[in-house]
Amino acid sequence: MIVNVMEHHVVEAYERLKAIVADFEDSPEHREDVVVYALNRLPPKYVVTHEGKAVTEAALDAPQHRTAIEVQVIEALRQVARVPRSKRRHSQGGG
């Protein structure tokens, strides 16, 4: 099975950091928006084998990668707090 290991790290960062953005409302929709926003700005790390996953996980735990992930997640949290999906729908005439 093909797995993007970056997704796991983004979700972990989301769980750690979601409380630091004052206006962010934690909901399933907003969680998805934050994760997708961050993943679209980070390089994917696809693996197939357990060995590949272990090596990639270790690399992503390095301080420089962890910081890059956290920066993107914080930016995503701020963006979603600023313009949540519900506001985007209403301003676009949707539902």
PDB file of N, CA and C in Angstrom:
ATOM      1  N   MET A   1       0.838  -1.183   0.000  1.00  0.00           N
ATOM      2  CA  MET A   1       0.000   0.000   0.000  1.00  0.00           C
ATOM      3  C   MET A   1       0.886   1.250   0.000  1.00  0.00           C
ATOM      4  N   ILE A   2       0.538   2.216  -0.815  1.00  0.00           N
ATOM      5  CA  ILE A   2       1.281   3.472  -0.890  1.00  0.00           C
ATOM      6  C   ILE A   2       0.765   4.410   0.202  1.00  0.00           C
ATOM      7  N   VAL A   3       1.701   4.982   0.968  1.00  0.00           N
ATOM      8  CA  VAL A   3       1.348   5.858   2.079  1.00  0.00           C
ATOM      9  C   VAL A   3       2.174   7.140   1.987  1.00  0.00           C
ATOM     10  N   ASN A   4       1.528   8.277   2.206  1.00  0.00           N
ATOM     11  CA  ASN A   4       2.238   9.546   2.320  1.00  0.00           C
ATOM     12  C   ASN A   4       2.507   9.771   3.809  1.00  0.00           C
ATOM     13  N   VAL A   5       3.723   9.500   4.235  1.00  0.00           N
ATOM     14  CA  VAL A   5       4.092   9.601   5.643  1.00  0.00           C
ATOM     15  C   VAL A   5       3.952  11.039   6.147  1.00  0.00           C
ATOM     16  N   MET A   6       4.085  11.989   5.258  1.00  0.00           N
ATOM     17  CA  MET A   6       3.952  13.395   5.646  1.00  0.00           C
ATOM     18  C   MET A   6       2.578  13.661   6.270  1.00  0.00           C
ATOM     19  N   GLU A   7       1.551  12.988   5.775  1.00  0.00           N
ATOM     20  CA  GLU A   7       0.202  13.208   6.299  1.00  0.00           C
ATOM     21  C   GLU A   7       0.136  12.904   7.791  1.00  0.00           C
ATOM     22  N   HIS A   8       0.733  11.814   8.205  1.00  0.00           N
ATOM     23  CA  HIS A   8       0.749  11.430   9.620  1.00  0.00           C
ATOM     24  C   HIS A   8       1.411  12.529  10.459  1.00  0.00           C
ATOM     25  N   HIS A   9       2.515  13.064   9.968  1.00  0.00           N
ATOM     26  CA  HIS A   9       3.230  14.100  10.711  1.00  0.00           C
ATOM     27  C   HIS A   9       2.445  15.409  10.755  1.00  0.00           C
ATOM     28  N   VAL A  10       1.741  15.727   9.698  1.00  0.00           N
ATOM     29  CA  VAL A  10       0.911  16.935   9.678  1.00  0.00           C
ATOM     30  C   VAL A  10      -0.244  16.794  10.672  1.00  0.00           C
ATOM     31  N   VAL A  11      -0.872  15.641  10.709  1.00  0.00           N
ATOM     32  CA  VAL A  11      -1.976  15.412  11.650  1.00  0.00           C
ATOM     33  C   VAL A  11      -1.468  15.497  13.088  1.00  0.00           C
ATOM     34  N   GLU A  12      -0.309  14.914  13.360  1.00  0.00           N
ATOM     35  CA  GLU A  12       0.270  15.009  14.707  1.00  0.00           C
ATOM     36  C   GLU A  12       0.540  16.465  15.086  1.00  0.00           C
ATOM     37  N   ALA A  13       1.099  17.220  14.153  1.00  0.00           N
ATOM     38  CA  ALA A  13       1.380  18.636  14.417  1.00  0.00           C
ATOM     39  C   ALA A  13       0.078  19.401  14.660  1.00  0.00           C
ATOM     40  N   TYR A  14      -0.944  19.084  13.882  1.00  0.00           N
ATOM     41  CA  TYR A  14      -2.254  19.715  14.074  1.00  0.00           C
ATOM     42  C   TYR A  14      -2.742  19.489  15.506  1.00  0.00           C
ATOM     43  N   GLU A  15      -2.671  18.265  15.974  1.00  0.00           N
ATOM     44  CA  GLU A  15      -3.149  17.946  17.324  1.00  0.00           C
ATOM     45  C   GLU A  15      -2.352  18.699  18.388  1.00  0.00           C
ATOM     46  N   ARG A  16      -1.051  18.856  18.173  1.00  0.00           N
ATOM     47  CA  ARG A  16      -0.205  19.566  19.137  1.00  0.00           C
ATOM     48  C   ARG A  16      -0.440  21.071  19.117  1.00  0.00           C
ATOM     49  N   LEU A  17      -0.732  21.625  17.946  1.00  0.00           N
ATOM     50  CA  LEU A  17      -0.695  23.071  17.769  1.00  0.00           C
ATOM     51  C   LEU A  17      -2.052  23.763  17.674  1.00  0.00           C
ATOM     52  N   LYS A  18      -3.126  23.017  17.546  1.00  0.00           N
ATOM     53  CA  LYS A  18      -4.434  23.636  17.273  1.00  0.00           C
ATOM     54  C   LYS A  18      -4.868  24.637  18.338  1.00  0.00           C
ATOM     55  N   ALA A  19      -4.400  24.489  19.555  1.00  0.00           N
ATOM     56  CA  ALA A  19      -4.821  25.391  20.632  1.00  0.00           C
ATOM     57  C   ALA A  19      -4.064  26.717  20.633  1.00  0.00           C
ATOM     58  N   ILE A  20      -2.992  26.839  19.855  1.00  0.00           N
ATOM     59  CA  ILE A  20      -2.196  28.068  19.946  1.00  0.00           C
ATOM     60  C   ILE A  20      -2.751  29.222  19.110  1.00  0.00           C
ATOM     61  N   VAL A  21      -3.664  28.925  18.199  1.00  0.00           N
ATOM     62  CA  VAL A  21      -4.280  29.989  17.398  1.00  0.00           C
ATOM     63  C   VAL A  21      -5.623  30.314  18.042  1.00  0.00           C
ATOM     64  N   ALA A  22      -5.690  31.500  18.628  1.00  0.00           N
ATOM     65  CA  ALA A  22      -6.820  31.869  19.484  1.00  0.00           C
ATOM     66  C   ALA A  22      -8.183  31.727  18.813  1.00  0.00           C
ATOM     67  N   ASP A  23      -8.324  32.144  17.584  1.00  0.00           N
ATOM     68  CA  ASP A  23      -9.636  32.151  16.932  1.00  0.00           C
ATOM     69  C   ASP A  23      -9.964  30.857  16.198  1.00  0.00           C
ATOM     70  N   PHE A  24      -9.090  29.869  16.292  1.00  0.00           N
ATOM     71  CA  PHE A  24      -9.332  28.626  15.562  1.00  0.00           C
ATOM     72  C   PHE A  24     -10.378  27.788  16.276  1.00  0.00           C
ATOM     73  N   GLU A  25     -11.379  27.345  15.522  1.00  0.00           N
ATOM     74  CA  GLU A  25     -12.430  26.472  16.048  1.00  0.00           C
ATOM     75  C   GLU A  25     -12.172  25.051  15.552  1.00  0.00           C
ATOM     76  N   ASP A  26     -11.901  24.142  16.481  1.00  0.00           N
ATOM     77  CA  ASP A  26     -11.608  22.755  16.124  1.00  0.00           C
ATOM     78  C   ASP A  26     -12.900  22.037  15.751  1.00  0.00           C
ATOM     79  N   SER A  27     -12.972  21.565  14.522  1.00  0.00           N
ATOM     80  CA  SER A  27     -14.104  20.778  14.041  1.00  0.00           C
ATOM     81  C   SER A  27     -13.567  19.845  12.965  1.00  0.00           C
ATOM     82  N   PRO A  28     -14.311  18.794  12.627  1.00  0.00           N
ATOM     83  CA  PRO A  28     -13.832  17.893  11.568  1.00  0.00           C
ATOM     84  C   PRO A  28     -13.564  18.615  10.244  1.00  0.00           C
ATOM     85  N   GLU A  29     -14.441  19.538   9.859  1.00  0.00           N
ATOM     86  CA  GLU A  29     -14.240  20.294   8.611  1.00  0.00           C
ATOM     87  C   GLU A  29     -12.976  21.138   8.672  1.00  0.00           C
ATOM     88  N   HIS A  30     -12.787  21.838   9.779  1.00  0.00           N
ATOM     89  CA  HIS A  30     -11.624  22.717   9.905  1.00  0.00           C
ATOM     90  C   HIS A  30     -10.341  21.897   9.994  1.00  0.00           C
ATOM     91  N   ARG A  31     -10.408  20.752  10.646  1.00  0.00           N
ATOM     92  CA  ARG A  31      -9.241  19.865  10.717  1.00  0.00           C
ATOM     93  C   ARG A  31      -8.834  19.447   9.310  1.00  0.00           C
ATOM     94  N   GLU A  32      -9.804  19.022   8.511  1.00  0.00           N
ATOM     95  CA  GLU A  32      -9.509  18.631   7.127  1.00  0.00           C
ATOM     96  C   GLU A  32      -8.890  19.788   6.359  1.00  0.00           C
ATOM     97  N   ASP A  33      -9.443  20.977   6.525  1.00  0.00           N
ATOM     98  CA  ASP A  33      -8.934  22.142   5.804  1.00  0.00           C
ATOM     99  C   ASP A  33      -7.485  22.448   6.186  1.00  0.00           C
ATOM    100  N   VAL A  34      -7.183  22.374   7.469  1.00  0.00           N
ATOM    101  CA  VAL A  34      -5.818  22.636   7.930  1.00  0.00           C
ATOM    102  C   VAL A  34      -4.857  21.591   7.375  1.00  0.00           C
ATOM    103  N   VAL A  35      -5.228  20.330   7.474  1.00  0.00           N
ATOM    104  CA  VAL A  35      -4.349  19.255   7.005  1.00  0.00           C
ATOM    105  C   VAL A  35      -4.100  19.383   5.504  1.00  0.00           C
ATOM    106  N   VAL A  36      -5.143  19.619   4.732  1.00  0.00           N
ATOM    107  CA  VAL A  36      -4.989  19.748   3.275  1.00  0.00           C
ATOM    108  C   VAL A  36      -4.153  20.976   2.927  1.00  0.00           C
ATOM    109  N   TYR A  37      -4.408  22.098   3.582  1.00  0.00           N
ATOM    110  CA  TYR A  37      -3.647  23.325   3.334  1.00  0.00           C
ATOM    111  C   TYR A  37      -2.160  23.062   3.561  1.00  0.00           C
ATOM    112  N   ALA A  38      -1.825  22.455   4.693  1.00  0.00           N
ATOM    113  CA  ALA A  38      -0.417  22.187   5.011  1.00  0.00           C
ATOM    114  C   ALA A  38       0.189  21.167   4.051  1.00  0.00           C
ATOM    115  N   LEU A  39      -0.530  20.085   3.771  1.00  0.00           N
ATOM    116  CA  LEU A  39       0.006  19.055   2.868  1.00  0.00           C
ATOM    117  C   LEU A  39       0.281  19.607   1.476  1.00  0.00           C
ATOM    118  N   ASN A  40      -0.541  20.521   1.013  1.00  0.00           N
ATOM    119  CA  ASN A  40      -0.328  21.106  -0.311  1.00  0.00           C
ATOM    120  C   ASN A  40       0.899  22.004  -0.367  1.00  0.00           C
ATOM    121  N   ARG A  41       1.450  22.355   0.782  1.00  0.00           N
ATOM    122  CA  ARG A  41       2.619  23.224   0.830  1.00  0.00           C
ATOM    123  C   ARG A  41       3.873  22.502   1.304  1.00  0.00           C
ATOM    124  N   LEU A  42       3.766  21.228   1.550  1.00  0.00           N
ATOM    125  CA  LEU A  42       4.906  20.410   1.985  1.00  0.00           C
ATOM    126  C   LEU A  42       5.180  19.323   0.948  1.00  0.00           C
ATOM    127  N   PRO A  43       6.426  18.885   0.852  1.00  0.00           N
ATOM    128  CA  PRO A  43       6.722  17.818  -0.116  1.00  0.00           C
ATOM    129  C   PRO A  43       6.145  16.487   0.360  1.00  0.00           C
ATOM    130  N   PRO A  44       5.498  15.744  -0.521  1.00  0.00           N
ATOM    131  CA  PRO A  44       4.985  14.431  -0.123  1.00  0.00           C
ATOM    132  C   PRO A  44       6.143  13.477   0.150  1.00  0.00           C
ATOM    133  N   LYS A  45       5.916  12.537   1.035  1.00  0.00           N
ATOM    134  CA  LYS A  45       6.916  11.512   1.362  1.00  0.00           C
ATOM    135  C   LYS A  45       6.230  10.152   1.260  1.00  0.00           C
ATOM    136  N   TYR A  46       6.176   9.639   0.043  1.00  0.00           N
ATOM    137  CA  TYR A  46       5.491   8.374  -0.213  1.00  0.00           C
ATOM    138  C   TYR A  46       6.401   7.195   0.073  1.00  0.00           C
ATOM    139  N   VAL A  47       5.840   6.174   0.686  1.00  0.00           N
ATOM    140  CA  VAL A  47       6.569   4.932   0.956  1.00  0.00           C
ATOM    141  C   VAL A  47       5.662   3.751   0.643  1.00  0.00           C
ATOM    142  N   VAL A  48       6.300   2.603   0.462  1.00  0.00           N
ATOM    143  CA  VAL A  48       5.558   1.370   0.205  1.00  0.00           C
ATOM    144  C   VAL A  48       5.898   0.317   1.251  1.00  0.00           C
ATOM    145  N   THR A  49       7.165   0.254   1.665  1.00  0.00           N
ATOM    146  CA  THR A  49       7.600  -0.799   2.585  1.00  0.00           C
ATOM    147  C   THR A  49       7.676  -0.287   4.018  1.00  0.00           C
ATOM    148  N   HIS A  50       7.698  -1.224   4.954  1.00  0.00           N
ATOM    149  CA  HIS A  50       7.860  -0.864   6.366  1.00  0.00           C
ATOM    150  C   HIS A  50       9.228  -0.227   6.594  1.00  0.00           C
ATOM    151  N   GLU A  51      10.228  -0.737   5.892  1.00  0.00           N
ATOM    152  CA  GLU A  51      11.573  -0.181   6.027  1.00  0.00           C
ATOM    153  C   GLU A  51      11.605   1.267   5.537  1.00  0.00           C
ATOM    154  N   GLY A  52      10.982   1.501   4.396  1.00  0.00           N
ATOM    155  CA  GLY A  52      10.919   2.863   3.865  1.00  0.00           C
ATOM    156  C   GLY A  52      10.186   3.797   4.799  1.00  0.00           C
ATOM    157  N   LYS A  53       9.123   3.287   5.406  1.00  0.00           N
ATOM    158  CA  LYS A  53       8.362   4.100   6.351  1.00  0.00           C
ATOM    159  C   LYS A  53       9.216   4.447   7.562  1.00  0.00           C
ATOM    160  N   ALA A  54       9.949   3.473   8.085  1.00  0.00           N
ATOM    161  CA  ALA A  54      10.785   3.708   9.265  1.00  0.00           C
ATOM    162  C   ALA A  54      11.860   4.756   8.982  1.00  0.00           C
ATOM    163  N   VAL A  55      12.504   4.641   7.833  1.00  0.00           N
ATOM    164  CA  VAL A  55      13.557   5.596   7.466  1.00  0.00           C
ATOM    165  C   VAL A  55      12.965   6.993   7.287  1.00  0.00           C
ATOM    166  N   THR A  56      11.839   7.079   6.607  1.00  0.00           N
ATOM    167  CA  THR A  56      11.209   8.375   6.349  1.00  0.00           C
ATOM    168  C   THR A  56      10.681   8.995   7.636  1.00  0.00           C
ATOM    169  N   GLU A  57      10.085   8.179   8.505  1.00  0.00           N
ATOM    170  CA  GLU A  57       9.606   8.682   9.802  1.00  0.00           C
ATOM    171  C   GLU A  57      10.761   9.283  10.593  1.00  0.00           C
ATOM    172  N   ALA A  58      11.883   8.584  10.627  1.00  0.00           N
ATOM    173  CA  ALA A  58      13.047   9.081  11.365  1.00  0.00           C
ATOM    174  C   ALA A  58      13.522  10.407  10.778  1.00  0.00           C
ATOM    175  N   ALA A  59      13.558  10.503   9.463  1.00  0.00           N
ATOM    176  CA  ALA A  59      13.999  11.743   8.814  1.00  0.00           C
ATOM    177  C   ALA A  59      13.048  12.895   9.134  1.00  0.00           C
ATOM    178  N   LEU A  60      11.755  12.631   9.121  1.00  0.00           N
ATOM    179  CA  LEU A  60      10.774  13.690   9.382  1.00  0.00           C
ATOM    180  C   LEU A  60      10.757  14.121  10.845  1.00  0.00           C
ATOM    181  N   ASP A  61      11.312  13.294  11.726  1.00  0.00           N
ATOM    182  CA  ASP A  61      11.408  13.671  13.134  1.00  0.00           C
ATOM    183  C   ASP A  61      12.602  14.584  13.413  1.00  0.00           C
ATOM    184  N   ALA A  62      13.475  14.759  12.426  1.00  0.00           N
ATOM    185  CA  ALA A  62      14.620  15.659  12.592  1.00  0.00           C
ATOM    186  C   ALA A  62      14.107  17.081  12.806  1.00  0.00           C
ATOM    187  N   PRO A  63      14.817  17.865  13.622  1.00  0.00           N
ATOM    188  CA  PRO A  63      14.341  19.217  13.945  1.00  0.00           C
ATOM    189  C   PRO A  63      14.006  20.089  12.735  1.00  0.00           C
ATOM    190  N   GLN A  64      14.802  20.051  11.686  1.00  0.00           N
ATOM    191  CA  GLN A  64      14.530  20.928  10.540  1.00  0.00           C
ATOM    192  C   GLN A  64      13.231  20.551   9.843  1.00  0.00           C
ATOM    193  N   HIS A  65      12.942  19.256   9.718  1.00  0.00           N
ATOM    194  CA  HIS A  65      11.696  18.830   9.080  1.00  0.00           C
ATOM    195  C   HIS A  65      10.502  19.099   9.990  1.00  0.00           C
ATOM    196  N   ARG A  66      10.692  18.839  11.263  1.00  0.00           N
ATOM    197  CA  ARG A  66       9.607  19.076  12.224  1.00  0.00           C
ATOM    198  C   ARG A  66       9.216  20.554  12.228  1.00  0.00           C
ATOM    199  N   THR A  67      10.215  21.424  12.195  1.00  0.00           N
ATOM    200  CA  THR A  67       9.950  22.864  12.166  1.00  0.00           C
ATOM    201  C   THR A  67       9.215  23.264  10.897  1.00  0.00           C
ATOM    202  N   ALA A  68       9.634  22.739   9.760  1.00  0.00           N
ATOM    203  CA  ALA A  68       8.971  23.065   8.487  1.00  0.00           C
ATOM    204  C   ALA A  68       7.504  22.644   8.512  1.00  0.00           C
ATOM    205  N   ILE A  69       7.237  21.481   9.074  1.00  0.00           N
ATOM    206  CA  ILE A  69       5.859  20.989   9.187  1.00  0.00           C
ATOM    207  C   ILE A  69       5.058  21.900  10.112  1.00  0.00           C
ATOM    208  N   GLU A  70       5.636  22.239  11.257  1.00  0.00           N
ATOM    209  CA  GLU A  70       4.933  23.085  12.218  1.00  0.00           C
ATOM    210  C   GLU A  70       4.637  24.469  11.648  1.00  0.00           C
ATOM    211  N   VAL A  71       5.567  25.038  10.896  1.00  0.00           N
ATOM    212  CA  VAL A  71       5.345  26.349  10.277  1.00  0.00           C
ATOM    213  C   VAL A  71       4.139  26.289   9.346  1.00  0.00           C
ATOM    214  N   GLN A  72       4.057  25.256   8.528  1.00  0.00           N
ATOM    215  CA  GLN A  72       2.937  25.135   7.587  1.00  0.00           C
ATOM    216  C   GLN A  72       1.618  24.885   8.309  1.00  0.00           C
ATOM    217  N   VAL A  73       1.646  24.092   9.368  1.00  0.00           N
ATOM    218  CA  VAL A  73       0.414  23.816  10.119  1.00  0.00           C
ATOM    219  C   VAL A  73      -0.066  25.083  10.828  1.00  0.00           C
ATOM    220  N   ILE A  74       0.848  25.845  11.408  1.00  0.00           N
ATOM    221  CA  ILE A  74       0.450  27.096  12.068  1.00  0.00           C
ATOM    222  C   ILE A  74      -0.137  28.068  11.050  1.00  0.00           C
ATOM    223  N   GLU A  75       0.488  28.185   9.893  1.00  0.00           N
ATOM    224  CA  GLU A  75      -0.054  29.050   8.838  1.00  0.00           C
ATOM    225  C   GLU A  75      -1.447  28.572   8.422  1.00  0.00           C
ATOM    226  N   ALA A  76      -1.622  27.266   8.305  1.00  0.00           N
ATOM    227  CA  ALA A  76      -2.927  26.705   7.937  1.00  0.00           C
ATOM    228  C   ALA A  76      -3.970  27.002   9.012  1.00  0.00           C
ATOM    229  N   LEU A  77      -3.598  26.845  10.275  1.00  0.00           N
ATOM    230  CA  LEU A  77      -4.515  27.154  11.373  1.00  0.00           C
ATOM    231  C   LEU A  77      -4.952  28.617  11.312  1.00  0.00           C
ATOM    232  N   ARG A  78      -4.009  29.499  11.073  1.00  0.00           N
ATOM    233  CA  ARG A  78      -4.331  30.931  10.985  1.00  0.00           C
ATOM    234  C   ARG A  78      -5.244  31.222   9.801  1.00  0.00           C
ATOM    235  N   GLN A  79      -4.946  30.605   8.676  1.00  0.00           N
ATOM    236  CA  GLN A  79      -5.749  30.833   7.472  1.00  0.00           C
ATOM    237  C   GLN A  79      -7.186  30.339   7.670  1.00  0.00           C
ATOM    238  N   VAL A  80      -7.329  29.146   8.222  1.00  0.00           N
ATOM    239  CA  VAL A  80      -8.668  28.586   8.430  1.00  0.00           C
ATOM    240  C   VAL A  80      -9.415  29.387   9.499  1.00  0.00           C
ATOM    241  N   ALA A  81      -8.713  29.861  10.523  1.00  0.00           N
ATOM    242  CA  ALA A  81      -9.361  30.698  11.539  1.00  0.00           C
ATOM    243  C   ALA A  81      -9.823  32.014  10.925  1.00  0.00           C
ATOM    244  N   ARG A  82      -9.022  32.558  10.021  1.00  0.00           N
ATOM    245  CA  ARG A  82      -9.337  33.837   9.376  1.00  0.00           C
ATOM    246  C   ARG A  82     -10.533  33.706   8.437  1.00  0.00           C
ATOM    247  N   VAL A  83     -10.552  32.623   7.661  1.00  0.00           N
ATOM    248  CA  VAL A  83     -11.631  32.411   6.689  1.00  0.00           C
ATOM    249  C   VAL A  83     -12.068  30.947   6.755  1.00  0.00           C
ATOM    250  N   PRO A  84     -12.895  30.598   7.751  1.00  0.00           N
ATOM    251  CA  PRO A  84     -13.354  29.211   7.859  1.00  0.00           C
ATOM    252  C   PRO A  84     -14.242  28.813   6.685  1.00  0.00           C
ATOM    253  N   ARG A  85     -14.359  27.533   6.479  1.00  0.00           N
ATOM    254  CA  ARG A  85     -15.133  27.012   5.347  1.00  0.00           C
ATOM    255  C   ARG A  85     -16.557  27.559   5.338  1.00  0.00           C
ATOM    256  N   SER A  86     -17.188  27.680   6.495  1.00  0.00           N
ATOM    257  CA  SER A  86     -18.570  28.173   6.546  1.00  0.00           C
ATOM    258  C   SER A  86     -18.665  29.596   5.998  1.00  0.00           C
ATOM    259  N   LYS A  87     -17.682  30.448   6.276  1.00  0.00           N
ATOM    260  CA  LYS A  87     -17.687  31.813   5.738  1.00  0.00           C
ATOM    261  C   LYS A  87     -17.427  31.807   4.243  1.00  0.00           C
ATOM    262  N   ARG A  88     -16.547  30.922   3.787  1.00  0.00           N
ATOM    263  CA  ARG A  88     -16.260  30.845   2.354  1.00  0.00           C
ATOM    264  C   ARG A  88     -17.511  30.444   1.594  1.00  0.00           C
ATOM    265  N   ARG A  89     -18.263  29.499   2.137  1.00  0.00           N
ATOM    266  CA  ARG A  89     -19.497  29.045   1.477  1.00  0.00           C
ATOM    267  C   ARG A  89     -20.500  30.178   1.360  1.00  0.00           C
ATOM    268  N   HIS A  90     -20.688  30.920   2.453  1.00  0.00           N
ATOM    269  CA  HIS A  90     -21.678  32.001   2.448  1.00  0.00           C
ATOM    270  C   HIS A  90     -21.264  33.129   1.511  1.00  0.00           C
ATOM    271  N   SER A  91     -19.976  33.448   1.475  1.00  0.00           N
ATOM    272  CA  SER A  91     -19.525  34.540   0.603  1.00  0.00           C
ATOM    273  C   SER A  91     -19.566  34.145  -0.865  1.00  0.00           C
ATOM    274  N   GLN A  92     -19.570  32.841  -1.153  1.00  0.00           N
ATOM    275  CA  GLN A  92     -19.636  32.357  -2.528  1.00  0.00           C
ATOM    276  C   GLN A  92     -21.065  32.043  -2.944  1.00  0.00           C
ATOM    277  N   GLY A  93     -22.007  32.274  -2.045  1.00  0.00           N
ATOM    278  CA  GLY A  93     -23.407  32.035  -2.366  1.00  0.00           C
ATOM    279  C   GLY A  93     -23.848  30.604  -2.149  1.00  0.00           C
ATOM    280  N   GLY A  94     -22.998  29.793  -1.541  1.00  0.00           N
ATOM    281  CA  GLY A  94     -23.345  28.390  -1.299  1.00  0.00           C
ATOM    282  C   GLY A  94     -24.029  28.216   0.026  1.00  0.00           C
ATOM    283  N   GLY A  95     -24.180  26.950   0.394  1.00  0.00           N
ATOM    284  CA  GLY A  95     -24.913  26.624   1.474  1.00  0.00           C
ATOM    285  C   GLY A  95     -24.784  26.461   2.804  1.00  0.00           C
TER     286      GLY A  95
END
